[in-house]
Amino acid sequence: MNRSKNCVREFGADLQNDYEGTSLDTLRQMVGMEMGISFFPNLYARSEITKDPEVCARPIESRVVKRQVGLAWRSNSPRINEFLQFKEDLLRSLNRQISREVILSG
């Protein structure tokens, strides 16, 4: 069972797959229509949710929240060397700028 289903069970949520969204704006609108709750990145919450009178945001203070981001490209791309260099440059840049709580892998 994946982590999201474990969290759903842990908090007693009723996950209905008929109502899912992928864009932050869609999720915010669904919350505003009382279709459930959602997690939002802090930057989005500060810039967009504060403008929406139908939605209320609360910080999460008692739990560690994680996010995984990946890069993908076609293995047979003629630009493979450029993608690999971009990955290395990105990892190096992030390593200098982010907190020690972030785990980078390459």
PDB file of N, CA and C in Angstrom:
ATOM      1  N   MET A   1       0.853  -1.190   0.000  1.00  0.00           N
ATOM      2  CA  MET A   1       0.000   0.000   0.000  1.00  0.00           C
ATOM      3  C   MET A   1       0.887   1.238   0.000  1.00  0.00           C
ATOM      4  N   ASN A   2       0.535   2.222  -0.822  1.00  0.00           N
ATOM      5  CA  ASN A   2       1.392   3.400  -0.899  1.00  0.00           C
ATOM      6  C   ASN A   2       1.170   4.347   0.283  1.00  0.00           C
ATOM      7  N   ARG A   3       2.074   5.329   0.413  1.00  0.00           N
ATOM      8  CA  ARG A   3       2.041   6.232   1.565  1.00  0.00           C
ATOM      9  C   ARG A   3       0.758   7.031   1.659  1.00  0.00           C
ATOM     10  N   SER A   4       0.233   7.496   0.524  1.00  0.00           N
ATOM     11  CA  SER A   4      -0.972   8.328   0.582  1.00  0.00           C
ATOM     12  C   SER A   4      -2.149   7.537   1.138  1.00  0.00           C
ATOM     13  N   LYS A   5      -2.261   6.263   0.778  1.00  0.00           N
ATOM     14  CA  LYS A   5      -3.356   5.452   1.326  1.00  0.00           C
ATOM     15  C   LYS A   5      -3.155   5.196   2.804  1.00  0.00           C
ATOM     16  N   ASN A   6      -1.900   5.067   3.249  1.00  0.00           N
ATOM     17  CA  ASN A   6      -1.639   4.917   4.677  1.00  0.00           C
ATOM     18  C   ASN A   6      -2.072   6.167   5.430  1.00  0.00           C
ATOM     19  N   CYS A   7      -1.782   7.351   4.871  1.00  0.00           N
ATOM     20  CA  CYS A   7      -2.190   8.603   5.515  1.00  0.00           C
ATOM     21  C   CYS A   7      -3.700   8.721   5.562  1.00  0.00           C
ATOM     22  N   VAL A   8      -4.368   8.317   4.485  1.00  0.00           N
ATOM     23  CA  VAL A   8      -5.833   8.369   4.452  1.00  0.00           C
ATOM     24  C   VAL A   8      -6.387   7.507   5.580  1.00  0.00           C
ATOM     25  N   ARG A   9      -5.870   6.306   5.718  1.00  0.00           N
ATOM     26  CA  ARG A   9      -6.345   5.408   6.765  1.00  0.00           C
ATOM     27  C   ARG A   9      -6.021   5.972   8.147  1.00  0.00           C
ATOM     28  N   GLU A  10      -4.801   6.518   8.320  1.00  0.00           N
ATOM     29  CA  GLU A  10      -4.375   7.050   9.618  1.00  0.00           C
ATOM     30  C   GLU A  10      -5.284   8.171  10.107  1.00  0.00           C
ATOM     31  N   PHE A  11      -5.742   9.025   9.196  1.00  0.00           N
ATOM     32  CA  PHE A  11      -6.567  10.167   9.589  1.00  0.00           C
ATOM     33  C   PHE A  11      -8.062   9.919   9.416  1.00  0.00           C
ATOM     34  N   GLY A  12      -8.436   8.728   8.980  1.00  0.00           N
ATOM     35  CA  GLY A  12      -9.850   8.395   8.848  1.00  0.00           C
ATOM     36  C   GLY A  12     -10.550   9.115   7.715  1.00  0.00           C
ATOM     37  N   ALA A  13      -9.806   9.509   6.698  1.00  0.00           N
ATOM     38  CA  ALA A  13     -10.401  10.225   5.566  1.00  0.00           C
ATOM     39  C   ALA A  13     -11.107   9.246   4.638  1.00  0.00           C
ATOM     40  N   ASP A  14     -12.089   9.749   3.927  1.00  0.00           N
ATOM     41  CA  ASP A  14     -12.813   8.968   2.931  1.00  0.00           C
ATOM     42  C   ASP A  14     -12.355   9.453   1.556  1.00  0.00           C
ATOM     43  N   LEU A  15     -11.383   8.753   0.986  1.00  0.00           N
ATOM     44  CA  LEU A  15     -10.829   9.149  -0.300  1.00  0.00           C
ATOM     45  C   LEU A  15     -11.729   8.671  -1.418  1.00  0.00           C
ATOM     46  N   GLN A  16     -12.210   9.617  -2.234  1.00  0.00           N
ATOM     47  CA  GLN A  16     -13.063   9.284  -3.365  1.00  0.00           C
ATOM     48  C   GLN A  16     -12.316   9.644  -4.640  1.00  0.00           C
ATOM     49  N   ASN A  17     -11.908   8.627  -5.368  1.00  0.00           N
ATOM     50  CA  ASN A  17     -11.094   8.847  -6.557  1.00  0.00           C
ATOM     51  C   ASN A  17     -11.845   9.548  -7.683  1.00  0.00           C
ATOM     52  N   ASP A  18     -13.163   9.641  -7.597  1.00  0.00           N
ATOM     53  CA  ASP A  18     -13.933  10.354  -8.620  1.00  0.00           C
ATOM     54  C   ASP A  18     -13.644  11.847  -8.600  1.00  0.00           C
ATOM     55  N   TYR A  19     -13.142  12.336  -7.486  1.00  0.00           N
ATOM     56  CA  TYR A  19     -12.929  13.772  -7.332  1.00  0.00           C
ATOM     57  C   TYR A  19     -11.473  14.038  -6.987  1.00  0.00           C
ATOM     58  N   GLU A  20     -10.624  14.020  -7.986  1.00  0.00           N
ATOM     59  CA  GLU A  20      -9.225  14.326  -7.797  1.00  0.00           C
ATOM     60  C   GLU A  20      -8.837  15.440  -8.754  1.00  0.00           C
ATOM     61  N   GLY A  21      -7.855  16.214  -8.377  1.00  0.00           N
ATOM     62  CA  GLY A  21      -7.359  17.269  -9.239  1.00  0.00           C
ATOM     63  C   GLY A  21      -5.848  17.275  -9.205  1.00  0.00           C
ATOM     64  N   THR A  22      -5.245  17.856 -10.210  1.00  0.00           N
ATOM     65  CA  THR A  22      -3.794  17.907 -10.246  1.00  0.00           C
ATOM     66  C   THR A  22      -3.244  19.328 -10.199  1.00  0.00           C
ATOM     67  N   SER A  23      -3.989  20.308 -10.655  1.00  0.00           N
ATOM     68  CA  SER A  23      -3.469  21.676 -10.598  1.00  0.00           C
ATOM     69  C   SER A  23      -3.840  22.293  -9.251  1.00  0.00           C
ATOM     70  N   LEU A  24      -2.972  23.166  -8.763  1.00  0.00           N
ATOM     71  CA  LEU A  24      -3.229  23.804  -7.475  1.00  0.00           C
ATOM     72  C   LEU A  24      -4.508  24.630  -7.515  1.00  0.00           C
ATOM     73  N   ASP A  25      -4.753  25.313  -8.621  1.00  0.00           N
ATOM     74  CA  ASP A  25      -5.975  26.124  -8.723  1.00  0.00           C
ATOM     75  C   ASP A  25      -7.224  25.245  -8.670  1.00  0.00           C
ATOM     76  N   THR A  26      -7.190  24.101  -9.352  1.00  0.00           N
ATOM     77  CA  THR A  26      -8.339  23.192  -9.318  1.00  0.00           C
ATOM     78  C   THR A  26      -8.568  22.675  -7.908  1.00  0.00           C
ATOM     79  N   LEU A  27      -7.506  22.292  -7.235  1.00  0.00           N
ATOM     80  CA  LEU A  27      -7.636  21.799  -5.854  1.00  0.00           C
ATOM     81  C   LEU A  27      -8.203  22.887  -4.940  1.00  0.00           C
ATOM     82  N   ARG A  28      -7.705  24.119  -5.093  1.00  0.00           N
ATOM     83  CA  ARG A  28      -8.224  25.225  -4.270  1.00  0.00           C
ATOM     84  C   ARG A  28      -9.709  25.441  -4.523  1.00  0.00           C
ATOM     85  N   GLN A  29     -10.122  25.387  -5.795  1.00  0.00           N
ATOM     86  CA  GLN A  29     -11.540  25.562  -6.118  1.00  0.00           C
ATOM     87  C   GLN A  29     -12.387  24.422  -5.550  1.00  0.00           C
ATOM     88  N   MET A  30     -11.858  23.198  -5.600  1.00  0.00           N
ATOM     89  CA  MET A  30     -12.595  22.061  -5.034  1.00  0.00           C
ATOM     90  C   MET A  30     -12.769  22.229  -3.528  1.00  0.00           C
ATOM     91  N   VAL A  31     -11.735  22.702  -2.857  1.00  0.00           N
ATOM     92  CA  VAL A  31     -11.835  22.964  -1.422  1.00  0.00           C
ATOM     93  C   VAL A  31     -12.888  24.044  -1.176  1.00  0.00           C
ATOM     94  N   GLY A  32     -12.862  25.103  -1.983  1.00  0.00           N
ATOM     95  CA  GLY A  32     -13.833  26.188  -1.846  1.00  0.00           C
ATOM     96  C   GLY A  32     -15.268  25.737  -2.076  1.00  0.00           C
ATOM     97  N   MET A  33     -15.451  24.649  -2.850  1.00  0.00           N
ATOM     98  CA  MET A  33     -16.790  24.103  -3.105  1.00  0.00           C
ATOM     99  C   MET A  33     -17.155  23.012  -2.091  1.00  0.00           C
ATOM    100  N   GLU A  34     -16.365  22.926  -1.002  1.00  0.00           N
ATOM    101  CA  GLU A  34     -16.590  21.971   0.080  1.00  0.00           C
ATOM    102  C   GLU A  34     -16.512  20.519  -0.384  1.00  0.00           C
ATOM    103  N   MET A  35     -15.600  20.260  -1.322  1.00  0.00           N
ATOM    104  CA  MET A  35     -15.410  18.899  -1.816  1.00  0.00           C
ATOM    105  C   MET A  35     -14.277  18.188  -1.082  1.00  0.00           C
ATOM    106  N   GLY A  36     -13.718  18.793  -0.061  1.00  0.00           N
ATOM    107  CA  GLY A  36     -12.666  18.149   0.704  1.00  0.00           C
ATOM    108  C   GLY A  36     -11.610  19.132   1.154  1.00  0.00           C
ATOM    109  N   ILE A  37     -10.469  18.583   1.522  1.00  0.00           N
ATOM    110  CA  ILE A  37      -9.334  19.389   1.960  1.00  0.00           C
ATOM    111  C   ILE A  37      -8.136  19.035   1.093  1.00  0.00           C
ATOM    112  N   SER A  38      -7.085  19.842   1.172  1.00  0.00           N
ATOM    113  CA  SER A  38      -5.895  19.575   0.378  1.00  0.00           C
ATOM    114  C   SER A  38      -4.677  20.165   1.066  1.00  0.00           C
ATOM    115  N   PHE A  39      -3.511  19.703   0.658  1.00  0.00           N
ATOM    116  CA  PHE A  39      -2.245  20.276   1.079  1.00  0.00           C
ATOM    117  C   PHE A  39      -1.760  21.193  -0.032  1.00  0.00           C
ATOM    118  N   PHE A  40      -1.212  22.348   0.351  1.00  0.00           N
ATOM    119  CA  PHE A  40      -0.699  23.300  -0.626  1.00  0.00           C
ATOM    120  C   PHE A  40       0.693  23.747  -0.214  1.00  0.00           C
ATOM    121  N   PRO A  41       1.567  23.999  -1.183  1.00  0.00           N
ATOM    122  CA  PRO A  41       2.869  24.576  -0.847  1.00  0.00           C
ATOM    123  C   PRO A  41       2.675  25.949  -0.215  1.00  0.00           C
ATOM    124  N   ASN A  42       3.548  26.307   0.696  1.00  0.00           N
ATOM    125  CA  ASN A  42       3.430  27.561   1.430  1.00  0.00           C
ATOM    126  C   ASN A  42       3.378  28.774   0.501  1.00  0.00           C
ATOM    127  N   LEU A  43       4.219  28.796  -0.512  1.00  0.00           N
ATOM    128  CA  LEU A  43       4.236  29.943  -1.425  1.00  0.00           C
ATOM    129  C   LEU A  43       2.893  30.120  -2.122  1.00  0.00           C
ATOM    130  N   TYR A  44       2.285  29.023  -2.574  1.00  0.00           N
ATOM    131  CA  TYR A  44       0.973  29.105  -3.212  1.00  0.00           C
ATOM    132  C   TYR A  44      -0.082  29.558  -2.205  1.00  0.00           C
ATOM    133  N   ALA A  45      -0.034  29.007  -1.015  1.00  0.00           N
ATOM    134  CA  ALA A  45      -1.021  29.383   0.011  1.00  0.00           C
ATOM    135  C   ALA A  45      -0.947  30.877   0.319  1.00  0.00           C
ATOM    136  N   ARG A  46       0.271  31.394   0.446  1.00  0.00           N
ATOM    137  CA  ARG A  46       0.420  32.820   0.757  1.00  0.00           C
ATOM    138  C   ARG A  46      -0.018  33.713  -0.389  1.00  0.00           C
ATOM    139  N   SER A  47       0.213  33.281  -1.633  1.00  0.00           N
ATOM    140  CA  SER A  47      -0.089  34.161  -2.765  1.00  0.00           C
ATOM    141  C   SER A  47      -1.505  34.006  -3.302  1.00  0.00           C
ATOM    142  N   GLU A  48      -2.096  32.817  -3.198  1.00  0.00           N
ATOM    143  CA  GLU A  48      -3.397  32.582  -3.824  1.00  0.00           C
ATOM    144  C   GLU A  48      -4.533  32.346  -2.830  1.00  0.00           C
ATOM    145  N   ILE A  49      -4.290  31.582  -1.824  1.00  0.00           N
ATOM    146  CA  ILE A  49      -5.381  31.237  -0.905  1.00  0.00           C
ATOM    147  C   ILE A  49      -5.814  32.445  -0.093  1.00  0.00           C
ATOM    148  N   THR A  50      -4.891  33.345   0.196  1.00  0.00           N
ATOM    149  CA  THR A  50      -5.279  34.552   0.937  1.00  0.00           C
ATOM    150  C   THR A  50      -6.242  35.423   0.146  1.00  0.00           C
ATOM    151  N   LYS A  51      -6.289  35.253  -1.194  1.00  0.00           N
ATOM    152  CA  LYS A  51      -7.205  36.022  -2.046  1.00  0.00           C
ATOM    153  C   LYS A  51      -8.580  35.366  -2.165  1.00  0.00           C
ATOM    154  N   ASP A  52      -8.704  34.114  -1.720  1.00  0.00           N
ATOM    155  CA  ASP A  52      -9.943  33.348  -1.914  1.00  0.00           C
ATOM    156  C   ASP A  52     -10.749  33.320  -0.622  1.00  0.00           C
ATOM    157  N   PRO A  53     -11.879  34.034  -0.567  1.00  0.00           N
ATOM    158  CA  PRO A  53     -12.659  34.079   0.670  1.00  0.00           C
ATOM    159  C   PRO A  53     -13.338  32.755   1.020  1.00  0.00           C
ATOM    160  N   GLU A  54     -13.379  31.809   0.095  1.00  0.00           N
ATOM    161  CA  GLU A  54     -14.028  30.518   0.331  1.00  0.00           C
ATOM    162  C   GLU A  54     -13.089  29.479   0.957  1.00  0.00           C
ATOM    163  N   VAL A  55     -11.799  29.785   1.030  1.00  0.00           N
ATOM    164  CA  VAL A  55     -10.818  28.805   1.480  1.00  0.00           C
ATOM    165  C   VAL A  55     -10.011  29.369   2.642  1.00  0.00           C
ATOM    166  N   CYS A  56      -9.752  28.513   3.611  1.00  0.00           N
ATOM    167  CA  CYS A  56      -8.967  28.885   4.786  1.00  0.00           C
ATOM    168  C   CYS A  56      -7.753  27.963   4.865  1.00  0.00           C
ATOM    169  N   ALA A  57      -6.570  28.511   5.026  1.00  0.00           N
ATOM    170  CA  ALA A  57      -5.346  27.706   5.113  1.00  0.00           C
ATOM    171  C   ALA A  57      -4.798  27.749   6.533  1.00  0.00           C
ATOM    172  N   ARG A  58      -4.300  26.609   6.978  1.00  0.00           N
ATOM    173  CA  ARG A  58      -3.673  26.499   8.285  1.00  0.00           C
ATOM    174  C   ARG A  58      -2.316  25.826   8.120  1.00  0.00           C
ATOM    175  N   PRO A  59      -1.288  26.324   8.807  1.00  0.00           N
ATOM    176  CA  PRO A  59       0.024  25.681   8.706  1.00  0.00           C
ATOM    177  C   PRO A  59       0.030  24.329   9.411  1.00  0.00           C
ATOM    178  N   ILE A  60       0.874  23.445   8.947  1.00  0.00           N
ATOM    179  CA  ILE A  60       1.052  22.141   9.583  1.00  0.00           C
ATOM    180  C   ILE A  60       2.288  22.255  10.460  1.00  0.00           C
ATOM    181  N   GLU A  61       2.091  22.086  11.753  1.00  0.00           N
ATOM    182  CA  GLU A  61       3.218  22.251  12.662  1.00  0.00           C
ATOM    183  C   GLU A  61       3.650  20.953  13.322  1.00  0.00           C
ATOM    184  N   SER A  62       2.779  19.967  13.380  1.00  0.00           N
ATOM    185  CA  SER A  62       3.089  18.779  14.159  1.00  0.00           C
ATOM    186  C   SER A  62       3.616  17.609  13.337  1.00  0.00           C
ATOM    187  N   ARG A  63       3.648  17.725  12.020  1.00  0.00           N
ATOM    188  CA  ARG A  63       4.081  16.601  11.190  1.00  0.00           C
ATOM    189  C   ARG A  63       5.128  17.054  10.178  1.00  0.00           C
ATOM    190  N   VAL A  64       5.996  16.137   9.832  1.00  0.00           N
ATOM    191  CA  VAL A  64       6.982  16.413   8.795  1.00  0.00           C
ATOM    192  C   VAL A  64       6.319  16.188   7.440  1.00  0.00           C
ATOM    193  N   VAL A  65       6.419  17.159   6.569  1.00  0.00           N
ATOM    194  CA  VAL A  65       5.830  17.063   5.247  1.00  0.00           C
ATOM    195  C   VAL A  65       6.968  16.931   4.239  1.00  0.00           C
ATOM    196  N   LYS A  66       6.826  15.994   3.311  1.00  0.00           N
ATOM    197  CA  LYS A  66       7.873  15.754   2.324  1.00  0.00           C
ATOM    198  C   LYS A  66       7.306  15.895   0.928  1.00  0.00           C
ATOM    199  N   ARG A  67       8.185  16.197   0.005  1.00  0.00           N
ATOM    200  CA  ARG A  67       7.808  16.286  -1.400  1.00  0.00           C
ATOM    201  C   ARG A  67       8.956  15.725  -2.227  1.00  0.00           C
ATOM    202  N   GLN A  68       8.596  14.975  -3.228  1.00  0.00           N
ATOM    203  CA  GLN A  68       9.600  14.407  -4.119  1.00  0.00           C
ATOM    204  C   GLN A  68       9.379  14.984  -5.509  1.00  0.00           C
ATOM    205  N   VAL A  69      10.449  15.493  -6.092  1.00  0.00           N
ATOM    206  CA  VAL A  69      10.395  16.085  -7.417  1.00  0.00           C
ATOM    207  C   VAL A  69      11.407  15.352  -8.287  1.00  0.00           C
ATOM    208  N   GLY A  70      11.048  15.082  -9.529  1.00  0.00           N
ATOM    209  CA  GLY A  70      11.960  14.357 -10.405  1.00  0.00           C
ATOM    210  C   GLY A  70      12.117  15.025 -11.756  1.00  0.00           C
ATOM    211  N   LEU A  71      13.190  14.702 -12.416  1.00  0.00           N
ATOM    212  CA  LEU A  71      13.435  15.134 -13.790  1.00  0.00           C
ATOM    213  C   LEU A  71      13.339  13.902 -14.672  1.00  0.00           C
ATOM    214  N   ALA A  72      12.781  14.059 -15.858  1.00  0.00           N
ATOM    215  CA  ALA A  72      12.662  12.919 -16.775  1.00  0.00           C
ATOM    216  C   ALA A  72      12.973  13.385 -18.192  1.00  0.00           C
ATOM    217  N   TRP A  73      13.577  12.501 -18.955  1.00  0.00           N
ATOM    218  CA  TRP A  73      13.854  12.760 -20.356  1.00  0.00           C
ATOM    219  C   TRP A  73      13.947  11.435 -21.083  1.00  0.00           C
ATOM    220  N   ARG A  74      13.791  11.476 -22.390  1.00  0.00           N
ATOM    221  CA  ARG A  74      13.898  10.258 -23.199  1.00  0.00           C
ATOM    222  C   ARG A  74      15.344   9.784 -23.226  1.00  0.00           C
ATOM    223  N   SER A  75      15.540   8.497 -23.018  1.00  0.00           N
ATOM    224  CA  SER A  75      16.902   7.953 -23.003  1.00  0.00           C
ATOM    225  C   SER A  75      17.566   8.035 -24.370  1.00  0.00           C
ATOM    226  N   ASN A  76      16.788   8.091 -25.439  1.00  0.00           N
ATOM    227  CA  ASN A  76      17.390   8.155 -26.780  1.00  0.00           C
ATOM    228  C   ASN A  76      17.392   9.577 -27.353  1.00  0.00           C
ATOM    229  N   SER A  77      17.214  10.567 -26.504  1.00  0.00           N
ATOM    230  CA  SER A  77      17.211  11.951 -26.972  1.00  0.00           C
ATOM    231  C   SER A  77      18.592  12.334 -27.492  1.00  0.00           C
ATOM    232  N   PRO A  78      18.648  13.077 -28.586  1.00  0.00           N
ATOM    233  CA  PRO A  78      19.941  13.551 -29.082  1.00  0.00           C
ATOM    234  C   PRO A  78      20.569  14.594 -28.144  1.00  0.00           C
ATOM    235  N   ARG A  79      19.788  15.095 -27.191  1.00  0.00           N
ATOM    236  CA  ARG A  79      20.285  16.114 -26.256  1.00  0.00           C
ATOM    237  C   ARG A  79      20.596  15.530 -24.886  1.00  0.00           C
ATOM    238  N   ILE A  80      20.832  14.228 -24.806  1.00  0.00           N
ATOM    239  CA  ILE A  80      21.040  13.565 -23.521  1.00  0.00           C
ATOM    240  C   ILE A  80      22.164  14.206 -22.710  1.00  0.00           C
ATOM    241  N   ASN A  81      23.256  14.575 -23.347  1.00  0.00           N
ATOM    242  CA  ASN A  81      24.362  15.199 -22.609  1.00  0.00           C
ATOM    243  C   ASN A  81      23.960  16.530 -21.995  1.00  0.00           C
ATOM    244  N   GLU A  82      23.121  17.296 -22.690  1.00  0.00           N
ATOM    245  CA  GLU A  82      22.642  18.567 -22.147  1.00  0.00           C
ATOM    246  C   GLU A  82      21.724  18.331 -20.945  1.00  0.00           C
ATOM    247  N   PHE A  83      20.880  17.309 -21.022  1.00  0.00           N
ATOM    248  CA  PHE A  83      19.992  17.000 -19.894  1.00  0.00           C
ATOM    249  C   PHE A  83      20.799  16.557 -18.680  1.00  0.00           C
ATOM    250  N   LEU A  84      21.792  15.711 -18.904  1.00  0.00           N
ATOM    251  CA  LEU A  84      22.621  15.252 -17.789  1.00  0.00           C
ATOM    252  C   LEU A  84      23.396  16.407 -17.166  1.00  0.00           C
ATOM    253  N   GLN A  85      23.868  17.325 -17.971  1.00  0.00           N
ATOM    254  CA  GLN A  85      24.564  18.504 -17.438  1.00  0.00           C
ATOM    255  C   GLN A  85      23.595  19.384 -16.654  1.00  0.00           C
ATOM    256  N   PHE A  86      22.381  19.550 -17.176  1.00  0.00           N
ATOM    257  CA  PHE A  86      21.369  20.324 -16.456  1.00  0.00           C
ATOM    258  C   PHE A  86      21.091  19.700 -15.095  1.00  0.00           C
ATOM    259  N   LYS A  87      20.955  18.374 -15.050  1.00  0.00           N
ATOM    260  CA  LYS A  87      20.714  17.680 -13.785  1.00  0.00           C
ATOM    261  C   LYS A  87      21.844  17.960 -12.802  1.00  0.00           C
ATOM    262  N   GLU A  88      23.084  17.841 -13.247  1.00  0.00           N
ATOM    263  CA  GLU A  88      24.235  18.083 -12.371  1.00  0.00           C
ATOM    264  C   GLU A  88      24.266  19.533 -11.890  1.00  0.00           C
ATOM    265  N   ASP A  89      24.019  20.472 -12.790  1.00  0.00           N
ATOM    266  CA  ASP A  89      23.992  21.894 -12.416  1.00  0.00           C
ATOM    267  C   ASP A  89      22.884  22.174 -11.409  1.00  0.00           C
ATOM    268  N   LEU A  90      21.716  21.583 -11.629  1.00  0.00           N
ATOM    269  CA  LEU A  90      20.589  21.776 -10.725  1.00  0.00           C
ATOM    270  C   LEU A  90      20.891  21.215  -9.337  1.00  0.00           C
ATOM    271  N   LEU A  91      21.411  19.992  -9.272  1.00  0.00           N
ATOM    272  CA  LEU A  91      21.749  19.395  -7.987  1.00  0.00           C
ATOM    273  C   LEU A  91      22.802  20.225  -7.251  1.00  0.00           C
ATOM    274  N   ARG A  92      23.806  20.694  -7.964  1.00  0.00           N
ATOM    275  CA  ARG A  92      24.855  21.515  -7.350  1.00  0.00           C
ATOM    276  C   ARG A  92      24.268  22.823  -6.803  1.00  0.00           C
ATOM    277  N   SER A  93      23.418  23.456  -7.592  1.00  0.00           N
ATOM    278  CA  SER A  93      22.802  24.715  -7.170  1.00  0.00           C
ATOM    279  C   SER A  93      21.901  24.515  -5.960  1.00  0.00           C
ATOM    280  N   LEU A  94      21.079  23.477  -6.003  1.00  0.00           N
ATOM    281  CA  LEU A  94      20.182  23.205  -4.876  1.00  0.00           C
ATOM    282  C   LEU A  94      20.958  22.868  -3.620  1.00  0.00           C
ATOM    283  N   ASN A  95      22.025  22.134  -3.774  1.00  0.00           N
ATOM    284  CA  ASN A  95      22.835  21.744  -2.632  1.00  0.00           C
ATOM    285  C   ASN A  95      23.389  22.961  -1.900  1.00  0.00           C
ATOM    286  N   ARG A  96      23.683  24.033  -2.627  1.00  0.00           N
ATOM    287  CA  ARG A  96      24.193  25.261  -2.021  1.00  0.00           C
ATOM    288  C   ARG A  96      23.080  26.082  -1.371  1.00  0.00           C
ATOM    289  N   GLN A  97      21.850  25.969  -1.868  1.00  0.00           N
ATOM    290  CA  GLN A  97      20.794  26.890  -1.470  1.00  0.00           C
ATOM    291  C   GLN A  97      19.803  26.349  -0.455  1.00  0.00           C
ATOM    292  N   ILE A  98      19.674  25.049  -0.327  1.00  0.00           N
ATOM    293  CA  ILE A  98      18.592  24.510   0.500  1.00  0.00           C
ATOM    294  C   ILE A  98      19.085  24.078   1.866  1.00  0.00           C
ATOM    295  N   SER A  99      18.117  23.837   2.741  1.00  0.00           N
ATOM    296  CA  SER A  99      18.445  23.420   4.096  1.00  0.00           C
ATOM    297  C   SER A  99      18.985  22.002   4.093  1.00  0.00           C
ATOM    298  N   ARG A 100      19.570  21.607   5.170  1.00  0.00           N
ATOM    299  CA  ARG A 100      20.137  20.262   5.311  1.00  0.00           C
ATOM    300  C   ARG A 100      19.053  19.194   5.473  1.00  0.00           C
ATOM    301  N   GLU A 101      17.793  19.568   5.618  1.00  0.00           N
ATOM    302  CA  GLU A 101      16.707  18.597   5.748  1.00  0.00           C
ATOM    303  C   GLU A 101      16.299  18.009   4.409  1.00  0.00           C
ATOM    304  N   VAL A 102      16.753  18.592   3.330  1.00  0.00           N
ATOM    305  CA  VAL A 102      16.386  18.117   2.002  1.00  0.00           C
ATOM    306  C   VAL A 102      17.394  17.077   1.550  1.00  0.00           C
ATOM    307  N   ILE A 103      16.904  15.970   1.038  1.00  0.00           N
ATOM    308  CA  ILE A 103      17.761  14.899   0.555  1.00  0.00           C
ATOM    309  C   ILE A 103      17.802  14.956  -0.966  1.00  0.00           C
ATOM    310  N   LEU A 104      18.980  15.075  -1.518  1.00  0.00           N
ATOM    311  CA  LEU A 104      19.143  15.113  -2.965  1.00  0.00           C
ATOM    312  C   LEU A 104      19.723  13.793  -3.425  1.00  0.00           C
ATOM    313  N   SER A 105      19.206  13.302  -4.513  1.00  0.00           N
ATOM    314  CA  SER A 105      19.793  12.094  -5.093  1.00  0.00           C
ATOM    315  C   SER A 105      19.944  12.308  -6.585  1.00  0.00           C
ATOM    316  N   GLY A 106      20.836  11.629  -7.191  1.00  0.00           N
ATOM    317  CA  GLY A 106      21.061  11.849  -8.608  1.00  0.00           C
ATOM    318  C   GLY A 106      21.349  10.566  -9.271  1.00  0.00           C
TER     319      GLY A 106
END
